[in-house]
PDB file of N, CA and C in Angstrom:
ATOM      1  N   MET A   1       1.385 -30.463 -10.461  1.00  0.00           N
ATOM      2  CA  MET A   1      -0.320 -30.008 -10.550  1.00  0.00           C
ATOM      3  C   MET A   1      -0.423 -28.786 -11.171  1.00  0.00           C
ATOM      4  N   ILE A   2      -1.351 -28.200 -12.172  1.00  0.00           N
ATOM      5  CA  ILE A   2      -1.865 -26.930 -12.643  1.00  0.00           C
ATOM      6  C   ILE A   2      -2.818 -26.018 -11.905  1.00  0.00           C
ATOM      7  N   VAL A   3      -2.312 -24.721 -11.380  1.00  0.00           N
ATOM      8  CA  VAL A   3      -2.771 -23.891 -10.707  1.00  0.00           C
ATOM      9  C   VAL A   3      -4.030 -23.181 -11.564  1.00  0.00           C
ATOM     10  N   ALA A   4      -5.745 -22.909 -11.139  1.00  0.00           N
ATOM     11  CA  ALA A   4      -5.962 -21.993 -12.283  1.00  0.00           C
ATOM     12  C   ALA A   4      -6.047 -21.110 -11.463  1.00  0.00           C
ATOM     13  N   LYS A   5      -7.027 -20.077 -12.099  1.00  0.00           N
ATOM     14  CA  LYS A   5      -7.666 -18.947 -11.485  1.00  0.00           C
ATOM     15  C   LYS A   5      -9.332 -19.254 -11.616  1.00  0.00           C
ATOM     16  N   TYR A   6      -9.698 -18.764 -10.644  1.00  0.00           N
ATOM     17  CA  TYR A   6     -11.012 -18.943  -9.991  1.00  0.00           C
ATOM     18  C   TYR A   6     -11.499 -17.352  -9.438  1.00  0.00           C
ATOM     19  N   LEU A   7     -12.575 -17.183 -10.181  1.00  0.00           N
ATOM     20  CA  LEU A   7     -13.802 -16.116  -9.948  1.00  0.00           C
ATOM     21  C   LEU A   7     -14.622 -16.210  -8.905  1.00  0.00           C
ATOM     22  N   LEU A   8     -14.351 -15.599  -7.501  1.00  0.00           N
ATOM     23  CA  LEU A   8     -15.395 -15.627  -6.494  1.00  0.00           C
ATOM     24  C   LEU A   8     -16.382 -14.146  -6.491  1.00  0.00           C
ATOM     25  N   ALA A   9     -17.724 -14.164  -7.168  1.00  0.00           N
ATOM     26  CA  ALA A   9     -18.525 -13.750  -7.662  1.00  0.00           C
ATOM     27  C   ALA A   9     -19.453 -13.195  -6.798  1.00  0.00           C
ATOM     28  N   TYR A  10     -19.624 -12.265  -5.706  1.00  0.00           N
ATOM     29  CA  TYR A  10     -20.481 -11.614  -4.345  1.00  0.00           C
ATOM     30  C   TYR A  10     -21.877 -12.037  -4.832  1.00  0.00           C
ATOM     31  N   VAL A  11     -22.968 -12.145  -4.060  1.00  0.00           N
ATOM     32  CA  VAL A  11     -24.334 -11.625  -4.639  1.00  0.00           C
ATOM     33  C   VAL A  11     -24.790 -11.360  -3.129  1.00  0.00           C
ATOM     34  N   GLY A  12     -25.648 -10.170  -3.024  1.00  0.00           N
ATOM     35  CA  GLY A  12     -25.821  -9.677  -1.587  1.00  0.00           C
ATOM     36  C   GLY A  12     -24.308  -9.585  -0.990  1.00  0.00           C
ATOM     37  N   GLY A  13     -25.419  -9.287   0.728  1.00  0.00           N
ATOM     38  CA  GLY A  13     -24.215  -9.062   2.027  1.00  0.00           C
ATOM     39  C   GLY A  13     -23.420  -8.116   2.264  1.00  0.00           C
ATOM     40  N   GLY A  14     -23.446  -6.975   0.601  1.00  0.00           N
ATOM     41  CA  GLY A  14     -22.339  -6.056   0.467  1.00  0.00           C
ATOM     42  C   GLY A  14     -22.709  -4.770   0.945  1.00  0.00           C
ATOM     43  N   GLU A  15     -23.716  -4.668   2.314  1.00  0.00           N
ATOM     44  CA  GLU A  15     -23.937  -3.566   2.541  1.00  0.00           C
ATOM     45  C   GLU A  15     -22.828  -2.944   3.595  1.00  0.00           C
ATOM     46  N   MET A  16     -22.692  -1.791   3.629  1.00  0.00           N
ATOM     47  CA  MET A  16     -21.637  -1.305   4.520  1.00  0.00           C
ATOM     48  C   MET A  16     -21.836  -0.535   5.781  1.00  0.00           C
ATOM     49  N   PRO A  17     -20.947  -1.463   6.686  1.00  0.00           N
ATOM     50  CA  PRO A  17     -21.444  -1.214   7.942  1.00  0.00           C
ATOM     51  C   PRO A  17     -21.548  -0.127   8.556  1.00  0.00           C
ATOM     52  N   SER A  18     -22.548   0.282   9.661  1.00  0.00           N
ATOM     53  CA  SER A  18     -23.301   1.997   9.538  1.00  0.00           C
ATOM     54  C   SER A  18     -22.407   2.614  10.371  1.00  0.00           C
ATOM     55  N   THR A  19     -21.240   2.006  12.022  1.00  0.00           N
ATOM     56  CA  THR A  19     -20.677   2.488  12.741  1.00  0.00           C
ATOM     57  C   THR A  19     -18.763   2.496  11.713  1.00  0.00           C
ATOM     58  N   PRO A  20     -18.090   3.470  12.583  1.00  0.00           N
ATOM     59  CA  PRO A  20     -16.810   3.479  11.643  1.00  0.00           C
ATOM     60  C   PRO A  20     -16.580   2.169  12.735  1.00  0.00           C
ATOM     61  N   GLU A  21     -16.357   1.715  13.821  1.00  0.00           N
ATOM     62  CA  GLU A  21     -16.298   0.658  14.671  1.00  0.00           C
ATOM     63  C   GLU A  21     -16.422  -0.885  13.829  1.00  0.00           C
ATOM     64  N   ALA A  22     -17.848  -0.789  13.207  1.00  0.00           N
ATOM     65  CA  ALA A  22     -18.139  -1.906  12.588  1.00  0.00           C
ATOM     66  C   ALA A  22     -17.776  -1.792  11.191  1.00  0.00           C
ATOM     67  N   GLN A  23     -17.349  -0.359  10.754  1.00  0.00           N
ATOM     68  CA  GLN A  23     -16.716  -0.653   9.127  1.00  0.00           C
ATOM     69  C   GLN A  23     -15.249  -1.050   9.459  1.00  0.00           C
ATOM     70  N   GLN A  24     -13.890  -0.646  10.850  1.00  0.00           N
ATOM     71  CA  GLN A  24     -12.772  -0.884  10.761  1.00  0.00           C
ATOM     72  C   GLN A  24     -12.829  -2.970  11.223  1.00  0.00           C
ATOM     73  N   ALA A  25     -14.254  -3.434  11.459  1.00  0.00           N
ATOM     74  CA  ALA A  25     -14.379  -4.907  11.806  1.00  0.00           C
ATOM     75  C   ALA A  25     -14.355  -5.644  10.704  1.00  0.00           C
ATOM     76  N   SER A  26     -15.282  -5.106  10.033  1.00  0.00           N
ATOM     77  CA  SER A  26     -15.034  -5.460   8.160  1.00  0.00           C
ATOM     78  C   SER A  26     -13.768  -5.342   8.032  1.00  0.00           C
ATOM     79  N   MET A  27     -13.137  -4.543   7.688  1.00  0.00           N
ATOM     80  CA  MET A  27     -12.038  -4.600   6.895  1.00  0.00           C
ATOM     81  C   MET A  27     -10.795  -5.668   7.940  1.00  0.00           C
ATOM     82  N   GLU A  28     -10.705  -5.563   8.958  1.00  0.00           N
ATOM     83  CA  GLU A  28      -9.966  -6.580   9.839  1.00  0.00           C
ATOM     84  C   GLU A  28     -10.304  -8.109   9.346  1.00  0.00           C
ATOM     85  N   ALA A  29     -11.552  -7.832   9.084  1.00  0.00           N
ATOM     86  CA  ALA A  29     -12.523  -9.800   8.854  1.00  0.00           C
ATOM     87  C   ALA A  29     -11.842 -10.125   7.411  1.00  0.00           C
ATOM     88  N   TRP A  30     -12.048  -8.868   6.912  1.00  0.00           N
ATOM     89  CA  TRP A  30     -11.562  -9.220   4.919  1.00  0.00           C
ATOM     90  C   TRP A  30      -9.799  -9.531   5.046  1.00  0.00           C
ATOM     91  N   GLY A  31      -9.412  -8.866   5.915  1.00  0.00           N
ATOM     92  CA  GLY A  31      -7.614  -8.687   5.591  1.00  0.00           C
ATOM     93  C   GLY A  31      -7.160  -9.851   6.362  1.00  0.00           C
ATOM     94  N   ALA A  32      -8.230 -10.593   7.126  1.00  0.00           N
ATOM     95  CA  ALA A  32      -7.626 -11.811   7.889  1.00  0.00           C
ATOM     96  C   ALA A  32      -7.831 -12.676   6.726  1.00  0.00           C
ATOM     97  N   TRP A  33      -8.991 -12.635   6.357  1.00  0.00           N
ATOM     98  CA  TRP A  33      -9.021 -13.735   5.602  1.00  0.00           C
ATOM     99  C   TRP A  33      -8.186 -13.743   3.962  1.00  0.00           C
ATOM    100  N   PHE A  34      -8.203 -12.509   3.629  1.00  0.00           N
ATOM    101  CA  PHE A  34      -6.915 -12.823   2.493  1.00  0.00           C
ATOM    102  C   PHE A  34      -5.813 -12.846   3.011  1.00  0.00           C
ATOM    103  N   GLY A  35      -5.110 -13.029   4.175  1.00  0.00           N
ATOM    104  CA  GLY A  35      -3.949 -13.219   4.763  1.00  0.00           C
ATOM    105  C   GLY A  35      -3.667 -14.639   4.723  1.00  0.00           C
ATOM    106  N   GLY A  36      -5.378 -15.146   4.909  1.00  0.00           N
ATOM    107  CA  GLY A  36      -5.277 -16.680   4.882  1.00  0.00           C
ATOM    108  C   GLY A  36      -4.783 -17.392   4.140  1.00  0.00           C
ATOM    109  N   ILE A  37      -5.211 -16.470   2.989  1.00  0.00           N
ATOM    110  CA  ILE A  37      -5.397 -17.454   1.297  1.00  0.00           C
ATOM    111  C   ILE A  37      -4.032 -17.231   0.968  1.00  0.00           C
ATOM    112  N   GLY A  38      -3.159 -16.115   1.546  1.00  0.00           N
ATOM    113  CA  GLY A  38      -1.871 -15.480   0.838  1.00  0.00           C
ATOM    114  C   GLY A  38      -1.588 -15.842  -0.287  1.00  0.00           C
ATOM    115  N   ALA A  39      -0.871 -16.033  -1.148  1.00  0.00           N
ATOM    116  CA  ALA A  39      -0.172 -15.829  -2.392  1.00  0.00           C
ATOM    117  C   ALA A  39      -1.471 -16.487  -3.343  1.00  0.00           C
ATOM    118  N   GLY A  40      -2.275 -17.267  -3.031  1.00  0.00           N
ATOM    119  CA  GLY A  40      -3.281 -17.665  -4.008  1.00  0.00           C
ATOM    120  C   GLY A  40      -4.552 -16.460  -4.164  1.00  0.00           C
ATOM    121  N   VAL A  41      -4.376 -15.213  -3.171  1.00  0.00           N
ATOM    122  CA  VAL A  41      -5.258 -14.091  -3.803  1.00  0.00           C
ATOM    123  C   VAL A  41      -4.170 -13.641  -5.194  1.00  0.00           C
ATOM    124  N   ALA A  42      -5.345 -13.542  -6.666  1.00  0.00           N
ATOM    125  CA  ALA A  42      -5.001 -12.935  -7.703  1.00  0.00           C
ATOM    126  C   ALA A  42      -5.346 -11.707  -7.689  1.00  0.00           C
ATOM    127  N   ASP A  43      -6.445 -11.477  -7.502  1.00  0.00           N
ATOM    128  CA  ASP A  43      -6.697  -9.884  -7.098  1.00  0.00           C
ATOM    129  C   ASP A  43      -7.449 -10.272  -6.327  1.00  0.00           C
ATOM    130  N   PRO A  44      -7.616  -9.041  -4.996  1.00  0.00           N
ATOM    131  CA  PRO A  44      -8.402  -9.127  -4.321  1.00  0.00           C
ATOM    132  C   PRO A  44      -9.898  -8.375  -4.525  1.00  0.00           C
ATOM    133  N   GLY A  45     -10.031  -7.604  -6.008  1.00  0.00           N
ATOM    134  CA  GLY A  45     -11.427  -7.388  -6.187  1.00  0.00           C
ATOM    135  C   GLY A  45     -11.916  -6.608  -5.381  1.00  0.00           C
ATOM    136  N   ASN A  46     -13.082  -5.542  -5.900  1.00  0.00           N
ATOM    137  CA  ASN A  46     -13.353  -4.917  -5.294  1.00  0.00           C
ATOM    138  C   ASN A  46     -14.905  -4.998  -5.053  1.00  0.00           C
ATOM    139  N   PRO A  47     -15.729  -4.199  -4.441  1.00  0.00           N
ATOM    140  CA  PRO A  47     -17.221  -4.403  -4.697  1.00  0.00           C
ATOM    141  C   PRO A  47     -17.957  -3.478  -5.905  1.00  0.00           C
ATOM    142  N   PHE A  48     -18.672  -3.998  -6.205  1.00  0.00           N
ATOM    143  CA  PHE A  48     -19.317  -3.417  -7.856  1.00  0.00           C
ATOM    144  C   PHE A  48     -20.469  -1.858  -7.297  1.00  0.00           C
ATOM    145  N   GLY A  49     -21.004  -1.154  -8.000  1.00  0.00           N
ATOM    146  CA  GLY A  49     -21.342   0.440  -8.055  1.00  0.00           C
ATOM    147  C   GLY A  49     -22.188   0.340  -9.339  1.00  0.00           C
ATOM    148  N   PRO A  50     -22.515   1.490  -9.171  1.00  0.00           N
ATOM    149  CA  PRO A  50     -23.814   1.577 -10.148  1.00  0.00           C
ATOM    150  C   PRO A  50     -23.787   0.773 -11.805  1.00  0.00           C
ATOM    151  N   SER A  51     -24.617  -0.127 -12.277  1.00  0.00           N
ATOM    152  CA  SER A  51     -24.463  -0.701 -13.334  1.00  0.00           C
ATOM    153  C   SER A  51     -25.176  -0.616 -14.232  1.00  0.00           C
ATOM    154  N   ALA A  52     -25.257  -1.278 -16.022  1.00  0.00           N
ATOM    155  CA  ALA A  52     -26.120  -1.114 -17.044  1.00  0.00           C
ATOM    156  C   ALA A  52     -25.880  -2.632 -17.515  1.00  0.00           C
ATOM    157  N   THR A  53     -27.335  -2.804 -18.476  1.00  0.00           N
ATOM    158  CA  THR A  53     -27.010  -4.679 -19.732  1.00  0.00           C
ATOM    159  C   THR A  53     -27.206  -3.752 -20.335  1.00  0.00           C
ATOM    160  N   VAL A  54     -26.475  -4.135 -21.458  1.00  0.00           N
ATOM    161  CA  VAL A  54     -26.171  -4.112 -22.788  1.00  0.00           C
ATOM    162  C   VAL A  54     -26.770  -5.209 -23.357  1.00  0.00           C
ATOM    163  N   ALA A  55     -27.904  -5.186 -24.378  1.00  0.00           N
ATOM    164  CA  ALA A  55     -29.279  -6.248 -24.861  1.00  0.00           C
ATOM    165  C   ALA A  55     -28.220  -6.743 -26.204  1.00  0.00           C
ATOM    166  N   SER A  56     -28.442  -7.631 -26.962  1.00  0.00           N
ATOM    167  CA  SER A  56     -27.521  -8.369 -28.094  1.00  0.00           C
ATOM    168  C   SER A  56     -27.897  -6.530 -29.267  1.00  0.00           C
ATOM    169  N   ASN A  57     -28.786  -6.283 -29.269  1.00  0.00           N
ATOM    170  CA  ASN A  57     -29.452  -5.405 -30.363  1.00  0.00           C
ATOM    171  C   ASN A  57     -28.737  -4.106 -30.102  1.00  0.00           C
ATOM    172  N   GLY A  58     -27.421  -3.984 -29.026  1.00  0.00           N
ATOM    173  CA  GLY A  58     -27.066  -2.804 -28.740  1.00  0.00           C
ATOM    174  C   GLY A  58     -28.455  -1.723 -27.504  1.00  0.00           C
ATOM    175  N   SER A  59     -29.646  -2.289 -27.300  1.00  0.00           N
ATOM    176  CA  SER A  59     -30.254  -1.489 -26.385  1.00  0.00           C
ATOM    177  C   SER A  59     -29.180  -1.442 -24.824  1.00  0.00           C
ATOM    178  N   VAL A  60     -29.624  -0.442 -24.223  1.00  0.00           N
ATOM    179  CA  VAL A  60     -29.252  -0.367 -22.934  1.00  0.00           C
ATOM    180  C   VAL A  60     -29.806   0.045 -21.770  1.00  0.00           C
ATOM    181  N   THR A  61     -30.085  -0.896 -20.575  1.00  0.00           N
ATOM    182  CA  THR A  61     -30.975  -0.368 -19.658  1.00  0.00           C
ATOM    183  C   THR A  61     -30.145  -0.063 -18.403  1.00  0.00           C
ATOM    184  N   ASP A  62     -30.252   0.859 -17.632  1.00  0.00           N
ATOM    185  CA  ASP A  62     -29.811   0.568 -15.915  1.00  0.00           C
ATOM    186  C   ASP A  62     -29.894  -0.196 -15.310  1.00  0.00           C
ATOM    187  N   GLY A  63     -29.058  -0.630 -14.558  1.00  0.00           N
ATOM    188  CA  GLY A  63     -28.906  -1.697 -13.602  1.00  0.00           C
ATOM    189  C   GLY A  63     -28.727  -3.116 -14.488  1.00  0.00           C
ATOM    190  N   THR A  64     -28.840  -4.379 -13.472  1.00  0.00           N
ATOM    191  CA  THR A  64     -28.945  -5.737 -13.886  1.00  0.00           C
ATOM    192  C   THR A  64     -29.594  -6.111 -12.544  1.00  0.00           C
ATOM    193  N   THR A  65     -29.865  -7.622 -13.013  1.00  0.00           N
ATOM    194  CA  THR A  65     -30.843  -8.447 -12.618  1.00  0.00           C
ATOM    195  C   THR A  65     -29.999  -9.783 -11.935  1.00  0.00           C
ATOM    196  N   SER A  66     -28.557  -9.426 -12.129  1.00  0.00           N
ATOM    197  CA  SER A  66     -27.775 -10.566 -11.652  1.00  0.00           C
ATOM    198  C   SER A  66     -27.887 -10.438 -10.266  1.00  0.00           C
ATOM    199  N   GLY A  67     -27.865  -9.157  -9.229  1.00  0.00           N
ATOM    200  CA  GLY A  67     -28.043  -8.943  -8.148  1.00  0.00           C
ATOM    201  C   GLY A  67     -26.516  -9.231  -7.286  1.00  0.00           C
ATOM    202  N   LEU A  68     -25.172  -9.161  -8.218  1.00  0.00           N
ATOM    203  CA  LEU A  68     -23.713  -9.203  -8.269  1.00  0.00           C
ATOM    204  C   LEU A  68     -23.491  -8.068  -7.401  1.00  0.00           C
ATOM    205  N   THR A  69     -22.400  -7.992  -6.652  1.00  0.00           N
ATOM    206  CA  THR A  69     -22.161  -7.626  -5.519  1.00  0.00           C
ATOM    207  C   THR A  69     -20.533  -7.066  -5.254  1.00  0.00           C
ATOM    208  N   GLY A  70     -20.024  -7.900  -6.316  1.00  0.00           N
ATOM    209  CA  GLY A  70     -18.063  -7.878  -6.016  1.00  0.00           C
ATOM    210  C   GLY A  70     -17.964  -9.197  -6.127  1.00  0.00           C
ATOM    211  N   TYR A  71     -16.380  -9.075  -6.557  1.00  0.00           N
ATOM    212  CA  TYR A  71     -15.874 -10.170  -6.833  1.00  0.00           C
ATOM    213  C   TYR A  71     -14.493  -9.910  -6.250  1.00  0.00           C
ATOM    214  N   THR A  72     -13.727 -11.716  -6.695  1.00  0.00           N
ATOM    215  CA  THR A  72     -12.278 -11.528  -5.910  1.00  0.00           C
ATOM    216  C   THR A  72     -12.038 -12.972  -6.849  1.00  0.00           C
ATOM    217  N   VAL A  73     -10.648 -12.918  -7.283  1.00  0.00           N
ATOM    218  CA  VAL A  73     -10.191 -13.817  -7.956  1.00  0.00           C
ATOM    219  C   VAL A  73      -8.944 -14.512  -7.236  1.00  0.00           C
ATOM    220  N   LEU A  74      -8.729 -16.067  -7.054  1.00  0.00           N
ATOM    221  CA  LEU A  74      -8.019 -16.718  -6.395  1.00  0.00           C
ATOM    222  C   LEU A  74      -7.458 -17.462  -7.397  1.00  0.00           C
ATOM    223  N   THR A  75      -6.135 -18.055  -6.934  1.00  0.00           N
ATOM    224  CA  THR A  75      -5.686 -19.245  -7.828  1.00  0.00           C
ATOM    225  C   THR A  75      -5.632 -20.609  -6.640  1.00  0.00           C
ATOM    226  N   ALA A  76      -6.333 -22.027  -7.314  1.00  0.00           N
ATOM    227  CA  ALA A  76      -5.972 -22.869  -6.378  1.00  0.00           C
ATOM    228  C   ALA A  76      -5.931 -23.850  -7.342  1.00  0.00           C
ATOM    229  N   ASP A  77      -5.298 -25.169  -6.666  1.00  0.00           N
ATOM    230  CA  ASP A  77      -4.985 -26.596  -7.301  1.00  0.00           C
ATOM    231  C   ASP A  77      -6.475 -26.868  -8.248  1.00  0.00           C
ATOM    232  N   SER A  78      -8.095 -26.398  -7.054  1.00  0.00           N
ATOM    233  CA  SER A  78      -9.298 -27.245  -7.757  1.00  0.00           C
ATOM    234  C   SER A  78     -10.478 -26.260  -7.862  1.00  0.00           C
ATOM    235  N   LEU A  79     -11.282 -26.676  -8.227  1.00  0.00           N
ATOM    236  CA  LEU A  79     -12.896 -25.700  -8.057  1.00  0.00           C
ATOM    237  C   LEU A  79     -12.755 -26.039  -6.221  1.00  0.00           C
ATOM    238  N   ALA A  80     -12.829 -27.385  -5.980  1.00  0.00           N
ATOM    239  CA  ALA A  80     -12.601 -27.754  -4.583  1.00  0.00           C
ATOM    240  C   ALA A  80     -12.147 -27.197  -3.828  1.00  0.00           C
ATOM    241  N   ASP A  81     -10.898 -27.048  -4.193  1.00  0.00           N
ATOM    242  CA  ASP A  81     -10.126 -25.654  -2.861  1.00  0.00           C
ATOM    243  C   ASP A  81     -10.333 -24.771  -3.371  1.00  0.00           C
ATOM    244  N   ALA A  82     -10.441 -23.946  -4.388  1.00  0.00           N
ATOM    245  CA  ALA A  82     -11.909 -22.711  -4.370  1.00  0.00           C
ATOM    246  C   ALA A  82     -12.912 -22.719  -3.810  1.00  0.00           C
ATOM    247  N   VAL A  83     -13.335 -23.759  -3.613  1.00  0.00           N
ATOM    248  CA  VAL A  83     -14.855 -23.528  -2.887  1.00  0.00           C
ATOM    249  C   VAL A  83     -14.553 -23.317  -1.321  1.00  0.00           C
ATOM    250  N   GLU A  84     -13.294 -24.004  -0.910  1.00  0.00           N
ATOM    251  CA  GLU A  84     -13.504 -24.438   0.240  1.00  0.00           C
ATOM    252  C   GLU A  84     -12.837 -22.937   0.940  1.00  0.00           C
ATOM    253  N   HIS A  85     -11.793 -22.403   0.163  1.00  0.00           N
ATOM    254  CA  HIS A  85     -11.122 -21.128   0.267  1.00  0.00           C
ATOM    255  C   HIS A  85     -12.385 -20.016   0.364  1.00  0.00           C
ATOM    256  N   ALA A  86     -13.465 -19.611  -0.422  1.00  0.00           N
ATOM    257  CA  ALA A  86     -14.939 -19.063  -0.309  1.00  0.00           C
ATOM    258  C   ALA A  86     -15.572 -18.966   0.934  1.00  0.00           C
ATOM    259  N   LYS A  87     -15.394 -20.722   1.172  1.00  0.00           N
ATOM    260  CA  LYS A  87     -16.012 -20.605   2.667  1.00  0.00           C
ATOM    261  C   LYS A  87     -15.561 -19.769   3.654  1.00  0.00           C
ATOM    262  N   GLY A  88     -14.596 -19.396   4.117  1.00  0.00           N
ATOM    263  CA  GLY A  88     -14.162 -18.282   5.046  1.00  0.00           C
ATOM    264  C   GLY A  88     -14.265 -17.103   4.853  1.00  0.00           C
ATOM    265  N   CYS A  89     -14.717 -16.658   3.491  1.00  0.00           N
ATOM    266  CA  CYS A  89     -15.448 -15.307   3.398  1.00  0.00           C
ATOM    267  C   CYS A  89     -15.984 -14.675   4.009  1.00  0.00           C
ATOM    268  N   PRO A  90     -15.743 -13.499   4.652  1.00  0.00           N
ATOM    269  CA  PRO A  90     -16.627 -12.780   5.316  1.00  0.00           C
ATOM    270  C   PRO A  90     -17.970 -12.248   4.954  1.00  0.00           C
ATOM    271  N   LEU A  91     -18.153 -12.390   3.886  1.00  0.00           N
ATOM    272  CA  LEU A  91     -19.399 -11.929   2.914  1.00  0.00           C
ATOM    273  C   LEU A  91     -20.899 -12.462   3.229  1.00  0.00           C
ATOM    274  N   LEU A  92     -20.426 -14.172   3.827  1.00  0.00           N
ATOM    275  CA  LEU A  92     -21.382 -14.853   3.996  1.00  0.00           C
ATOM    276  C   LEU A  92     -21.916 -14.471   5.375  1.00  0.00           C
ATOM    277  N   LYS A  93     -21.266 -14.302   6.123  1.00  0.00           N
ATOM    278  CA  LYS A  93     -21.982 -13.592   7.600  1.00  0.00           C
ATOM    279  C   LYS A  93     -22.494 -12.255   7.313  1.00  0.00           C
ATOM    280  N   ASN A  94     -22.590 -11.799   5.986  1.00  0.00           N
ATOM    281  CA  ASN A  94     -23.863 -10.476   6.214  1.00  0.00           C
ATOM    282  C   ASN A  94     -24.660 -10.733   5.788  1.00  0.00           C
ATOM    283  N   GLY A  95     -24.950 -12.467   5.297  1.00  0.00           N
ATOM    284  CA  GLY A  95     -26.301 -13.131   4.660  1.00  0.00           C
ATOM    285  C   GLY A  95     -25.595 -13.105   2.961  1.00  0.00           C
ATOM    286  N   GLY A  96     -25.062 -12.993   2.169  1.00  0.00           N
ATOM    287  CA  GLY A  96     -24.619 -13.131   1.089  1.00  0.00           C
ATOM    288  C   GLY A  96     -24.021 -14.457   0.540  1.00  0.00           C
ATOM    289  N   SER A  97     -23.804 -14.781  -0.636  1.00  0.00           N
ATOM    290  CA  SER A  97     -23.655 -16.053  -1.366  1.00  0.00           C
ATOM    291  C   SER A  97     -22.120 -15.674  -2.446  1.00  0.00           C
ATOM    292  N   ILE A  98     -22.125 -16.991  -2.274  1.00  0.00           N
ATOM    293  CA  ILE A  98     -20.633 -16.545  -3.023  1.00  0.00           C
ATOM    294  C   ILE A  98     -21.187 -18.101  -4.745  1.00  0.00           C
ATOM    295  N   GLN A  99     -20.249 -17.066  -5.505  1.00  0.00           N
ATOM    296  CA  GLN A  99     -20.591 -18.221  -6.902  1.00  0.00           C
ATOM    297  C   GLN A  99     -19.361 -18.390  -7.526  1.00  0.00           C
ATOM    298  N   VAL A 100     -18.805 -19.758  -7.531  1.00  0.00           N
ATOM    299  CA  VAL A 100     -17.316 -19.712  -7.876  1.00  0.00           C
ATOM    300  C   VAL A 100     -17.049 -20.399  -8.946  1.00  0.00           C
ATOM    301  N   PHE A 101     -16.632 -19.975 -10.160  1.00  0.00           N
ATOM    302  CA  PHE A 101     -16.365 -20.146 -11.416  1.00  0.00           C
ATOM    303  C   PHE A 101     -14.607 -20.558 -11.931  1.00  0.00           C
ATOM    304  N   GLU A 102     -14.441 -21.455 -12.264  1.00  0.00           N
ATOM    305  CA  GLU A 102     -12.987 -21.498 -12.662  1.00  0.00           C
ATOM    306  C   GLU A 102     -13.104 -20.778 -14.391  1.00  0.00           C
ATOM    307  N   THR A 103     -11.765 -19.826 -14.928  1.00  0.00           N
ATOM    308  CA  THR A 103     -11.984 -19.676 -15.944  1.00  0.00           C
ATOM    309  C   THR A 103     -10.581 -20.051 -16.559  1.00  0.00           C
ATOM    310  N   PHE A 104     -10.528 -19.878 -17.488  1.00  0.00           N
ATOM    311  CA  PHE A 104      -9.924 -20.281 -18.904  1.00  0.00           C
ATOM    312  C   PHE A 104      -9.284 -19.327 -19.664  1.00  0.00           C
ATOM    313  N   ASN A 105      -7.397 -19.218 -19.327  1.00  0.00           N
ATOM    314  CA  ASN A 105      -7.261 -18.668 -20.104  1.00  0.00           C
ATOM    315  C   ASN A 105      -7.286 -19.072 -21.811  1.00  0.00           C
ATOM    316  N   ILE A 106      -7.860 -18.029 -22.926  1.00  0.00           N
ATOM    317  CA  ILE A 106      -8.236 -18.983 -24.352  1.00  0.00           C
ATOM    318  C   ILE A 106      -7.031 -17.809 -25.503  1.00  0.00           C
ATOM    319  N   MET A 107      -6.122 -16.815 -24.743  1.00  0.00           N
ATOM    320  CA  MET A 107      -5.670 -15.718 -25.666  1.00  0.00           C
ATOM    321  C   MET A 107      -4.102 -15.583 -25.276  1.00  0.00           C
TER     322      MET A 107
END
């Protein structure tokens, strides 16, 4: 079976917990989730910060309308397998959602 890469694009749910204890608990939840996936975590990713949008005419505006807050890249046997992994993501408990995309190597 060929293993593919999948981008998990996070939408919302990325607010930093307000107390050090809650921040530690959040980091532990993410660590446990990544640990459960193991070697399937190709890139644990990061949250997104400030953004800009570049239009086809070259104009630039601050921000985006996508609502994306971060990403992770996984390897998995199928889209269904990647979706099953995504279901355990701690972001979902914070009211966020996850868009899962299979990527293709073209170069």
